[in-house]
Amino acid sequence: MAIVKRQAEADHNTKMTVADLIKLSNNLKPQQIKQVVEERTYQWNNFVRDFFNDKATNQYTKRLKVAALLWEKVRESKAPKIYVHALLIQYTSLINDYRKSDTKH
C-alpha cells in the first residue's frame, strides 16, 4: 500500500481514498514491487558513484559517511534522488558538524 500511497502523493492525487489505496495495492504485481526496491538501490548506488566522482569530495577521509549524510537529506526531500555538487555547499554545516564530532572519538 505504501507504494501506491507514494505514487498518489507524487501525482498530487488528493482525491484518493483508503479504499482506493487498498484496491490498487492488492492489484500490484510482484514485479512492480520488486522494481521499486531495486530503484531505491540504484538511486543510492548512482548517488555514491557520482559523489565519489566529484573531486571536491577527496577532502573527506570518510567519504562514504559524508555521502550517507547527504543521501539522507536528499532521500527525505522532494528533490531528485541524485548527487549534485551543490549539496556539498548546501549542507556544509552538517558535514562540518560531523567532521568535528568524528575527530573527538
PDB file of N, CA and C in Angstrom:
ATOM      1  N   MET A   1       0.821  -1.190   0.000  1.00  0.00           N
ATOM      2  CA  MET A   1       0.000   0.000   0.000  1.00  0.00           C
ATOM      3  C   MET A   1       0.868   1.257   0.000  1.00  0.00           C
ATOM      4  N   ALA A   2       2.020   1.196   0.612  1.00  0.00           N
ATOM      5  CA  ALA A   2       2.906   2.359   0.674  1.00  0.00           C
ATOM      6  C   ALA A   2       3.355   2.782  -0.717  1.00  0.00           C
ATOM      7  N   ILE A   3       3.554   1.811  -1.603  1.00  0.00           N
ATOM      8  CA  ILE A   3       3.962   2.126  -2.969  1.00  0.00           C
ATOM      9  C   ILE A   3       2.894   2.971  -3.644  1.00  0.00           C
ATOM     10  N   VAL A   4       1.655   2.553  -3.520  1.00  0.00           N
ATOM     11  CA  VAL A   4       0.536   3.264  -4.137  1.00  0.00           C
ATOM     12  C   VAL A   4       0.374   4.639  -3.498  1.00  0.00           C
ATOM     13  N   LYS A   5       0.527   4.708  -2.188  1.00  0.00           N
ATOM     14  CA  LYS A   5       0.394   5.991  -1.487  1.00  0.00           C
ATOM     15  C   LYS A   5       1.452   6.974  -1.961  1.00  0.00           C
ATOM     16  N   ARG A   6       2.698   6.508  -2.068  1.00  0.00           N
ATOM     17  CA  ARG A   6       3.766   7.400  -2.527  1.00  0.00           C
ATOM     18  C   ARG A   6       3.518   7.869  -3.956  1.00  0.00           C
ATOM     19  N   GLN A   7       3.011   6.961  -4.788  1.00  0.00           N
ATOM     20  CA  GLN A   7       2.721   7.345  -6.168  1.00  0.00           C
ATOM     21  C   GLN A   7       1.605   8.380  -6.208  1.00  0.00           C
ATOM     22  N   ALA A   8       0.586   8.199  -5.382  1.00  0.00           N
ATOM     23  CA  ALA A   8      -0.511   9.167  -5.318  1.00  0.00           C
ATOM     24  C   ALA A   8       0.008  10.526  -4.855  1.00  0.00           C
ATOM     25  N   GLU A   9       0.906  10.524  -3.871  1.00  0.00           N
ATOM     26  CA  GLU A   9       1.492  11.778  -3.393  1.00  0.00           C
ATOM     27  C   GLU A   9       2.331  12.438  -4.482  1.00  0.00           C
ATOM     28  N   ALA A  10       3.099  11.641  -5.200  1.00  0.00           N
ATOM     29  CA  ALA A  10       3.933  12.182  -6.276  1.00  0.00           C
ATOM     30  C   ALA A  10       3.076  12.779  -7.389  1.00  0.00           C
ATOM     31  N   ASP A  11       1.910  12.166  -7.621  1.00  0.00           N
ATOM     32  CA  ASP A  11       0.987  12.651  -8.651  1.00  0.00           C
ATOM     33  C   ASP A  11       0.058  13.740  -8.132  1.00  0.00           C
ATOM     34  N   HIS A  12       0.201  14.089  -6.858  1.00  0.00           N
ATOM     35  CA  HIS A  12      -0.661  15.089  -6.199  1.00  0.00           C
ATOM     36  C   HIS A  12      -2.137  14.691  -6.287  1.00  0.00           C
ATOM     37  N   ASN A  13      -2.390  13.402  -6.123  1.00  0.00           N
ATOM     38  CA  ASN A  13      -3.754  12.879  -6.166  1.00  0.00           C
ATOM     39  C   ASN A  13      -4.351  12.980  -4.764  1.00  0.00           C
ATOM     40  N   THR A  14      -5.079  14.051  -4.525  1.00  0.00           N
ATOM     41  CA  THR A  14      -5.647  14.291  -3.196  1.00  0.00           C
ATOM     42  C   THR A  14      -7.031  13.675  -3.031  1.00  0.00           C
ATOM     43  N   LYS A  15      -7.570  13.106  -4.092  1.00  0.00           N
ATOM     44  CA  LYS A  15      -8.918  12.536  -4.030  1.00  0.00           C
ATOM     45  C   LYS A  15      -8.908  11.036  -3.739  1.00  0.00           C
ATOM     46  N   MET A  16      -7.725  10.438  -3.675  1.00  0.00           N
ATOM     47  CA  MET A  16      -7.636   9.004  -3.442  1.00  0.00           C
ATOM     48  C   MET A  16      -8.045   8.676  -2.009  1.00  0.00           C
ATOM     49  N   THR A  17      -8.886   7.663  -1.882  1.00  0.00           N
ATOM     50  CA  THR A  17      -9.359   7.236  -0.564  1.00  0.00           C
ATOM     51  C   THR A  17      -8.559   6.022  -0.102  1.00  0.00           C
ATOM     52  N   VAL A  18      -8.749   5.651   1.151  1.00  0.00           N
ATOM     53  CA  VAL A  18      -8.098   4.448   1.678  1.00  0.00           C
ATOM     54  C   VAL A  18      -8.572   3.227   0.900  1.00  0.00           C
ATOM     55  N   ALA A  19      -9.847   3.198   0.561  1.00  0.00           N
ATOM     56  CA  ALA A  19     -10.379   2.082  -0.231  1.00  0.00           C
ATOM     57  C   ALA A  19      -9.668   1.993  -1.582  1.00  0.00           C
ATOM     58  N   ASP A  20      -9.408   3.149  -2.202  1.00  0.00           N
ATOM     59  CA  ASP A  20      -8.674   3.165  -3.472  1.00  0.00           C
ATOM     60  C   ASP A  20      -7.258   2.626  -3.281  1.00  0.00           C
ATOM     61  N   LEU A  21      -6.611   3.050  -2.193  1.00  0.00           N
ATOM     62  CA  LEU A  21      -5.256   2.575  -1.902  1.00  0.00           C
ATOM     63  C   LEU A  21      -5.225   1.059  -1.748  1.00  0.00           C
ATOM     64  N   ILE A  22      -6.179   0.542  -1.001  1.00  0.00           N
ATOM     65  CA  ILE A  22      -6.238  -0.910  -0.773  1.00  0.00           C
ATOM     66  C   ILE A  22      -6.463  -1.640  -2.086  1.00  0.00           C
ATOM     67  N   LYS A  23      -7.420  -1.156  -2.868  1.00  0.00           N
ATOM     68  CA  LYS A  23      -7.746  -1.806  -4.141  1.00  0.00           C
ATOM     69  C   LYS A  23      -6.530  -1.821  -5.069  1.00  0.00           C
ATOM     70  N   LEU A  24      -5.884  -0.683  -5.204  1.00  0.00           N
ATOM     71  CA  LEU A  24      -4.720  -0.605  -6.089  1.00  0.00           C
ATOM     72  C   LEU A  24      -3.538  -1.421  -5.571  1.00  0.00           C
ATOM     73  N   SER A  25      -3.320  -1.403  -4.263  1.00  0.00           N
ATOM     74  CA  SER A  25      -2.185  -2.162  -3.718  1.00  0.00           C
ATOM     75  C   SER A  25      -2.413  -3.661  -3.838  1.00  0.00           C
ATOM     76  N   ASN A  26      -3.661  -4.096  -3.757  1.00  0.00           N
ATOM     77  CA  ASN A  26      -3.959  -5.515  -3.932  1.00  0.00           C
ATOM     78  C   ASN A  26      -3.740  -5.961  -5.373  1.00  0.00           C
ATOM     79  N   ASN A  27      -3.769  -5.017  -6.300  1.00  0.00           N
ATOM     80  CA  ASN A  27      -3.584  -5.339  -7.716  1.00  0.00           C
ATOM     81  C   ASN A  27      -2.132  -5.208  -8.176  1.00  0.00           C
ATOM     82  N   LEU A  28      -1.234  -4.815  -7.262  1.00  0.00           N
ATOM     83  CA  LEU A  28       0.180  -4.708  -7.634  1.00  0.00           C
ATOM     84  C   LEU A  28       0.752  -6.089  -7.924  1.00  0.00           C
ATOM     85  N   LYS A  29       1.528  -6.143  -8.978  1.00  0.00           N
ATOM     86  CA  LYS A  29       2.195  -7.395  -9.325  1.00  0.00           C
ATOM     87  C   LYS A  29       3.526  -7.456  -8.582  1.00  0.00           C
ATOM     88  N   PRO A  30       3.990  -8.653  -8.243  1.00  0.00           N
ATOM     89  CA  PRO A  30       5.278  -8.778  -7.542  1.00  0.00           C
ATOM     90  C   PRO A  30       6.411  -8.062  -8.273  1.00  0.00           C
ATOM     91  N   GLN A  31       6.384  -8.079  -9.598  1.00  0.00           N
ATOM     92  CA  GLN A  31       7.435  -7.411 -10.377  1.00  0.00           C
ATOM     93  C   GLN A  31       7.433  -5.907 -10.116  1.00  0.00           C
ATOM     94  N   GLN A  32       6.242  -5.312  -9.966  1.00  0.00           N
ATOM     95  CA  GLN A  32       6.155  -3.879  -9.690  1.00  0.00           C
ATOM     96  C   GLN A  32       6.758  -3.552  -8.328  1.00  0.00           C
ATOM     97  N   ILE A  33       6.496  -4.385  -7.350  1.00  0.00           N
ATOM     98  CA  ILE A  33       7.042  -4.178  -6.004  1.00  0.00           C
ATOM     99  C   ILE A  33       8.563  -4.322  -6.042  1.00  0.00           C
ATOM    100  N   LYS A  34       9.046  -5.337  -6.740  1.00  0.00           N
ATOM    101  CA  LYS A  34      10.485  -5.571  -6.846  1.00  0.00           C
ATOM    102  C   LYS A  34      11.176  -4.386  -7.519  1.00  0.00           C
ATOM    103  N   GLN A  35      10.555  -3.815  -8.548  1.00  0.00           N
ATOM    104  CA  GLN A  35      11.150  -2.682  -9.258  1.00  0.00           C
ATOM    105  C   GLN A  35      11.343  -1.486  -8.339  1.00  0.00           C
ATOM    106  N   VAL A  36      10.402  -1.260  -7.436  1.00  0.00           N
ATOM    107  CA  VAL A  36      10.502  -0.129  -6.518  1.00  0.00           C
ATOM    108  C   VAL A  36      11.710  -0.310  -5.598  1.00  0.00           C
ATOM    109  N   VAL A  37      11.883  -1.508  -5.063  1.00  0.00           N
ATOM    110  CA  VAL A  37      13.019  -1.795  -4.183  1.00  0.00           C
ATOM    111  C   VAL A  37      14.326  -1.661  -4.959  1.00  0.00           C
ATOM    112  N   GLU A  38      14.364  -2.205  -6.165  1.00  0.00           N
ATOM    113  CA  GLU A  38      15.569  -2.118  -6.986  1.00  0.00           C
ATOM    114  C   GLU A  38      15.884  -0.671  -7.343  1.00  0.00           C
ATOM    115  N   GLU A  39      14.859   0.111  -7.634  1.00  0.00           N
ATOM    116  CA  GLU A  39      15.073   1.514  -7.995  1.00  0.00           C
ATOM    117  C   GLU A  39      15.736   2.264  -6.853  1.00  0.00           C
ATOM    118  N   ARG A  40      15.320   2.005  -5.620  1.00  0.00           N
ATOM    119  CA  ARG A  40      15.947   2.660  -4.468  1.00  0.00           C
ATOM    120  C   ARG A  40      17.424   2.297  -4.377  1.00  0.00           C
ATOM    121  N   THR A  41      17.738   1.042  -4.633  1.00  0.00           N
ATOM    122  CA  THR A  41      19.129   0.598  -4.602  1.00  0.00           C
ATOM    123  C   THR A  41      19.929   1.289  -5.696  1.00  0.00           C
ATOM    124  N   TYR A  42      19.360   1.370  -6.889  1.00  0.00           N
ATOM    125  CA  TYR A  42      20.045   2.046  -7.990  1.00  0.00           C
ATOM    126  C   TYR A  42      20.273   3.514  -7.667  1.00  0.00           C
ATOM    127  N   GLN A  43      19.288   4.156  -7.071  1.00  0.00           N
ATOM    128  CA  GLN A  43      19.421   5.571  -6.728  1.00  0.00           C
ATOM    129  C   GLN A  43      20.597   5.774  -5.777  1.00  0.00           C
ATOM    130  N   TRP A  44      20.679   4.957  -4.742  1.00  0.00           N
ATOM    131  CA  TRP A  44      21.781   5.064  -3.776  1.00  0.00           C
ATOM    132  C   TRP A  44      23.115   4.796  -4.462  1.00  0.00           C
ATOM    133  N   ASN A  45      23.183   3.727  -5.255  1.00  0.00           N
ATOM    134  CA  ASN A  45      24.432   3.383  -5.936  1.00  0.00           C
ATOM    135  C   ASN A  45      24.884   4.503  -6.870  1.00  0.00           C
ATOM    136  N   ASN A  46      23.957   5.056  -7.625  1.00  0.00           N
ATOM    137  CA  ASN A  46      24.296   6.156  -8.533  1.00  0.00           C
ATOM    138  C   ASN A  46      24.713   7.398  -7.760  1.00  0.00           C
ATOM    139  N   PHE A  47      24.043   7.651  -6.649  1.00  0.00           N
ATOM    140  CA  PHE A  47      24.382   8.795  -5.807  1.00  0.00           C
ATOM    141  C   PHE A  47      25.822   8.666  -5.314  1.00  0.00           C
ATOM    142  N   VAL A  48      26.169   7.505  -4.795  1.00  0.00           N
ATOM    143  CA  VAL A  48      27.523   7.274  -4.271  1.00  0.00           C
ATOM    144  C   VAL A  48      28.556   7.372  -5.393  1.00  0.00           C
ATOM    145  N   ARG A  49      28.265   6.775  -6.529  1.00  0.00           N
ATOM    146  CA  ARG A  49      29.200   6.841  -7.663  1.00  0.00           C
ATOM    147  C   ARG A  49      29.469   8.294  -8.058  1.00  0.00           C
ATOM    148  N   ASP A  50      28.400   9.074  -8.189  1.00  0.00           N
ATOM    149  CA  ASP A  50      28.558  10.479  -8.580  1.00  0.00           C
ATOM    150  C   ASP A  50      29.272  11.284  -7.494  1.00  0.00           C
ATOM    151  N   PHE A  51      28.991  10.973  -6.239  1.00  0.00           N
ATOM    152  CA  PHE A  51      29.671  11.633  -5.123  1.00  0.00           C
ATOM    153  C   PHE A  51      31.173  11.372  -5.201  1.00  0.00           C
ATOM    154  N   PHE A  52      31.549  10.120  -5.389  1.00  0.00           N
ATOM    155  CA  PHE A  52      32.971   9.763  -5.443  1.00  0.00           C
ATOM    156  C   PHE A  52      33.654  10.316  -6.695  1.00  0.00           C
ATOM    157  N   ASN A  53      32.902  10.559  -7.751  1.00  0.00           N
ATOM    158  CA  ASN A  53      33.476  11.138  -8.968  1.00  0.00           C
ATOM    159  C   ASN A  53      33.705  12.642  -8.853  1.00  0.00           C
ATOM    160  N   ASP A  54      33.107  13.267  -7.853  1.00  0.00           N
ATOM    161  CA  ASP A  54      33.298  14.701  -7.631  1.00  0.00           C
ATOM    162  C   ASP A  54      34.633  14.895  -6.907  1.00  0.00           C
ATOM    163  N   LYS A  55      35.585  15.528  -7.566  1.00  0.00           N
ATOM    164  CA  LYS A  55      36.927  15.718  -6.987  1.00  0.00           C
ATOM    165  C   LYS A  55      36.883  16.501  -5.675  1.00  0.00           C
ATOM    166  N   ALA A  56      35.858  17.306  -5.488  1.00  0.00           N
ATOM    167  CA  ALA A  56      35.742  18.099  -4.256  1.00  0.00           C
ATOM    168  C   ALA A  56      35.537  17.219  -3.030  1.00  0.00           C
ATOM    169  N   THR A  57      35.104  15.978  -3.223  1.00  0.00           N
ATOM    170  CA  THR A  57      34.868  15.096  -2.076  1.00  0.00           C
ATOM    171  C   THR A  57      36.141  14.393  -1.610  1.00  0.00           C
ATOM    172  N   ASN A  58      37.233  14.572  -2.343  1.00  0.00           N
ATOM    173  CA  ASN A  58      38.504  13.941  -1.951  1.00  0.00           C
ATOM    174  C   ASN A  58      39.020  14.463  -0.619  1.00  0.00           C
ATOM    175  N   GLN A  59      38.541  15.601  -0.192  1.00  0.00           N
ATOM    176  CA  GLN A  59      38.993  16.184   1.074  1.00  0.00           C
ATOM    177  C   GLN A  59      38.489  15.413   2.299  1.00  0.00           C
ATOM    178  N   TYR A  60      37.488  14.576   2.121  1.00  0.00           N
ATOM    179  CA  TYR A  60      36.903  13.853   3.255  1.00  0.00           C
ATOM    180  C   TYR A  60      37.575  12.494   3.416  1.00  0.00           C
ATOM    181  N   THR A  61      37.987  12.194   4.641  1.00  0.00           N
ATOM    182  CA  THR A  61      38.630  10.898   4.879  1.00  0.00           C
ATOM    183  C   THR A  61      37.604   9.771   4.921  1.00  0.00           C
ATOM    184  N   LYS A  62      36.415  10.062   5.396  1.00  0.00           N
ATOM    185  CA  LYS A  62      35.339   9.060   5.435  1.00  0.00           C
ATOM    186  C   LYS A  62      34.263   9.475   4.437  1.00  0.00           C
ATOM    187  N   ARG A  63      34.614   9.326   3.173  1.00  0.00           N
ATOM    188  CA  ARG A  63      33.747   9.816   2.101  1.00  0.00           C
ATOM    189  C   ARG A  63      32.391   9.125   2.077  1.00  0.00           C
ATOM    190  N   LEU A  64      32.369   7.832   2.335  1.00  0.00           N
ATOM    191  CA  LEU A  64      31.092   7.121   2.303  1.00  0.00           C
ATOM    192  C   LEU A  64      30.157   7.632   3.393  1.00  0.00           C
ATOM    193  N   LYS A  65      30.695   7.958   4.538  1.00  0.00           N
ATOM    194  CA  LYS A  65      29.888   8.510   5.631  1.00  0.00           C
ATOM    195  C   LYS A  65      29.306   9.866   5.231  1.00  0.00           C
ATOM    196  N   VAL A  66      30.111  10.702   4.597  1.00  0.00           N
ATOM    197  CA  VAL A  66      29.625  12.011   4.146  1.00  0.00           C
ATOM    198  C   VAL A  66      28.555  11.815   3.069  1.00  0.00           C
ATOM    199  N   ALA A  67      28.785  10.881   2.164  1.00  0.00           N
ATOM    200  CA  ALA A  67      27.781  10.584   1.138  1.00  0.00           C
ATOM    201  C   ALA A  67      26.474  10.141   1.788  1.00  0.00           C
ATOM    202  N   ALA A  68      26.567   9.327   2.830  1.00  0.00           N
ATOM    203  CA  ALA A  68      25.367   8.852   3.529  1.00  0.00           C
ATOM    204  C   ALA A  68      24.626  10.000   4.207  1.00  0.00           C
ATOM    205  N   LEU A  69      25.368  10.940   4.778  1.00  0.00           N
ATOM    206  CA  LEU A  69      24.728  12.114   5.395  1.00  0.00           C
ATOM    207  C   LEU A  69      23.938  12.902   4.354  1.00  0.00           C
ATOM    208  N   LEU A  70      24.558  13.114   3.201  1.00  0.00           N
ATOM    209  CA  LEU A  70      23.888  13.857   2.138  1.00  0.00           C
ATOM    210  C   LEU A  70      22.714  13.071   1.567  1.00  0.00           C
ATOM    211  N   TRP A  71      22.893  11.755   1.403  1.00  0.00           N
ATOM    212  CA  TRP A  71      21.828  10.911   0.869  1.00  0.00           C
ATOM    213  C   TRP A  71      20.593  10.971   1.765  1.00  0.00           C
ATOM    214  N   GLU A  72      20.813  10.963   3.064  1.00  0.00           N
ATOM    215  CA  GLU A  72      19.688  11.040   4.000  1.00  0.00           C
ATOM    216  C   GLU A  72      18.871  12.307   3.749  1.00  0.00           C
ATOM    217  N   LYS A  73      19.540  13.420   3.529  1.00  0.00           N
ATOM    218  CA  LYS A  73      18.843  14.687   3.263  1.00  0.00           C
ATOM    219  C   LYS A  73      18.118  14.644   1.923  1.00  0.00           C
ATOM    220  N   VAL A  74      18.787  14.112   0.910  1.00  0.00           N
ATOM    221  CA  VAL A  74      18.184  14.030  -0.421  1.00  0.00           C
ATOM    222  C   VAL A  74      16.993  13.083  -0.406  1.00  0.00           C
ATOM    223  N   ARG A  75      17.164  11.946   0.244  1.00  0.00           N
ATOM    224  CA  ARG A  75      16.097  10.943   0.297  1.00  0.00           C
ATOM    225  C   ARG A  75      14.841  11.501   0.952  1.00  0.00           C
ATOM    226  N   GLU A  76      15.007  12.325   1.980  1.00  0.00           N
ATOM    227  CA  GLU A  76      13.865  12.889   2.700  1.00  0.00           C
ATOM    228  C   GLU A  76      13.236  14.074   1.975  1.00  0.00           C
ATOM    229  N   SER A  77      13.917  14.591   0.976  1.00  0.00           N
ATOM    230  CA  SER A  77      13.413  15.773   0.271  1.00  0.00           C
ATOM    231  C   SER A  77      12.578  15.357  -0.943  1.00  0.00           C
ATOM    232  N   LYS A  78      11.987  16.345  -1.563  1.00  0.00           N
ATOM    233  CA  LYS A  78      11.239  16.102  -2.796  1.00  0.00           C
ATOM    234  C   LYS A  78      12.121  16.304  -4.020  1.00  0.00           C
ATOM    235  N   ALA A  79      13.380  16.610  -3.786  1.00  0.00           N
ATOM    236  CA  ALA A  79      14.334  16.831  -4.878  1.00  0.00           C
ATOM    237  C   ALA A  79      14.653  15.498  -5.560  1.00  0.00           C
ATOM    238  N   PRO A  80      15.172  15.559  -6.788  1.00  0.00           N
ATOM    239  CA  PRO A  80      15.596  14.323  -7.460  1.00  0.00           C
ATOM    240  C   PRO A  80      16.632  13.590  -6.610  1.00  0.00           C
ATOM    241  N   LYS A  81      16.583  12.292  -6.641  1.00  0.00           N
ATOM    242  CA  LYS A  81      17.462  11.464  -5.807  1.00  0.00           C
ATOM    243  C   LYS A  81      18.804  11.251  -6.505  1.00  0.00           C
ATOM    244  N   ILE A  82      19.490  12.362  -6.744  1.00  0.00           N
ATOM    245  CA  ILE A  82      20.784  12.331  -7.420  1.00  0.00           C
ATOM    246  C   ILE A  82      21.774  13.206  -6.662  1.00  0.00           C
ATOM    247  N   TYR A  83      23.060  12.902  -6.852  1.00  0.00           N
ATOM    248  CA  TYR A  83      24.098  13.741  -6.249  1.00  0.00           C
ATOM    249  C   TYR A  83      24.422  14.886  -7.196  1.00  0.00           C
ATOM    250  N   VAL A  84      24.474  16.078  -6.648  1.00  0.00           N
ATOM    251  CA  VAL A  84      24.973  17.250  -7.366  1.00  0.00           C
ATOM    252  C   VAL A  84      25.932  17.977  -6.429  1.00  0.00           C
ATOM    253  N   HIS A  85      26.938  18.606  -7.000  1.00  0.00           N
ATOM    254  CA  HIS A  85      27.966  19.285  -6.207  1.00  0.00           C
ATOM    255  C   HIS A  85      27.356  20.303  -5.244  1.00  0.00           C
ATOM    256  N   ALA A  86      26.265  20.920  -5.633  1.00  0.00           N
ATOM    257  CA  ALA A  86      25.623  21.942  -4.794  1.00  0.00           C
ATOM    258  C   ALA A  86      25.241  21.405  -3.414  1.00  0.00           C
ATOM    259  N   LEU A  87      25.078  20.099  -3.279  1.00  0.00           N
ATOM    260  CA  LEU A  87      24.749  19.513  -1.971  1.00  0.00           C
ATOM    261  C   LEU A  87      25.875  19.754  -0.966  1.00  0.00           C
ATOM    262  N   LEU A  88      27.118  19.733  -1.439  1.00  0.00           N
ATOM    263  CA  LEU A  88      28.254  19.997  -0.545  1.00  0.00           C
ATOM    264  C   LEU A  88      28.165  21.401   0.032  1.00  0.00           C
ATOM    265  N   ILE A  89      27.723  22.320  -0.776  1.00  0.00           N
ATOM    266  CA  ILE A  89      27.590  23.709  -0.333  1.00  0.00           C
ATOM    267  C   ILE A  89      26.367  23.858   0.568  1.00  0.00           C
ATOM    268  N   GLN A  90      25.264  23.279   0.126  1.00  0.00           N
ATOM    269  CA  GLN A  90      24.013  23.396   0.880  1.00  0.00           C
ATOM    270  C   GLN A  90      24.138  22.818   2.288  1.00  0.00           C
ATOM    271  N   TYR A  91      24.860  21.725   2.420  1.00  0.00           N
ATOM    272  CA  TYR A  91      24.959  21.040   3.713  1.00  0.00           C
ATOM    273  C   TYR A  91      26.360  21.138   4.322  1.00  0.00           C
ATOM    274  N   THR A  92      27.054  22.217   4.038  1.00  0.00           N
ATOM    275  CA  THR A  92      28.399  22.423   4.586  1.00  0.00           C
ATOM    276  C   THR A  92      28.403  22.338   6.106  1.00  0.00           C
ATOM    277  N   SER A  93      27.449  22.982   6.755  1.00  0.00           N
ATOM    278  CA  SER A  93      27.446  22.981   8.228  1.00  0.00           C
ATOM    279  C   SER A  93      27.190  21.576   8.769  1.00  0.00           C
ATOM    280  N   LEU A  94      26.328  20.809   8.139  1.00  0.00           N
ATOM    281  CA  LEU A  94      26.074  19.427   8.562  1.00  0.00           C
ATOM    282  C   LEU A  94      27.351  18.595   8.439  1.00  0.00           C
ATOM    283  N   ILE A  95      28.030  18.737   7.329  1.00  0.00           N
ATOM    284  CA  ILE A  95      29.272  17.990   7.109  1.00  0.00           C
ATOM    285  C   ILE A  95      30.334  18.411   8.116  1.00  0.00           C
ATOM    286  N   ASN A  96      30.456  19.708   8.331  1.00  0.00           N
ATOM    287  CA  ASN A  96      31.446  20.202   9.297  1.00  0.00           C
ATOM    288  C   ASN A  96      31.136  19.725  10.712  1.00  0.00           C
ATOM    289  N   ASP A  97      29.863  19.708  11.085  1.00  0.00           N
ATOM    290  CA  ASP A  97      29.477  19.194  12.405  1.00  0.00           C
ATOM    291  C   ASP A  97      29.869  17.728  12.543  1.00  0.00           C
ATOM    292  N   TYR A  98      29.630  16.944  11.499  1.00  0.00           N
ATOM    293  CA  TYR A  98      30.014  15.531  11.525  1.00  0.00           C
ATOM    294  C   TYR A  98      31.534  15.399  11.668  1.00  0.00           C
ATOM    295  N   ARG A  99      32.267  16.174  10.894  1.00  0.00           N
ATOM    296  CA  ARG A  99      33.731  16.082  10.933  1.00  0.00           C
ATOM    297  C   ARG A  99      34.268  16.448  12.311  1.00  0.00           C
ATOM    298  N   LYS A 100      33.666  17.448  12.942  1.00  0.00           N
ATOM    299  CA  LYS A 100      34.099  17.837  14.294  1.00  0.00           C
ATOM    300  C   LYS A 100      33.812  16.726  15.295  1.00  0.00           C
ATOM    301  N   SER A 101      32.619  16.142  15.207  1.00  0.00           N
ATOM    302  CA  SER A 101      32.262  15.080  16.160  1.00  0.00           C
ATOM    303  C   SER A 101      33.098  13.831  15.916  1.00  0.00           C
ATOM    304  N   ASP A 102      33.469  13.590  14.672  1.00  0.00           N
ATOM    305  CA  ASP A 102      34.265  12.414  14.341  1.00  0.00           C
ATOM    306  C   ASP A 102      35.691  12.533  14.875  1.00  0.00           C
ATOM    307  N   THR A 103      36.222  13.735  14.948  1.00  0.00           N
ATOM    308  CA  THR A 103      37.592  13.906  15.445  1.00  0.00           C
ATOM    309  C   THR A 103      37.670  13.778  16.960  1.00  0.00           C
ATOM    310  N   LYS A 104      36.533  13.889  17.637  1.00  0.00           N
ATOM    311  CA  LYS A 104      36.511  13.763  19.104  1.00  0.00           C
ATOM    312  C   LYS A 104      36.600  12.311  19.550  1.00  0.00           C
ATOM    313  N   HIS A 105      36.292  11.388  18.653  1.00  0.00           N
ATOM    314  CA  HIS A 105      36.276   9.960  19.028  1.00  0.00           C
ATOM    315  C   HIS A 105      37.610   9.334  18.851  1.00  0.00           C
TER     316      HIS A 105
END
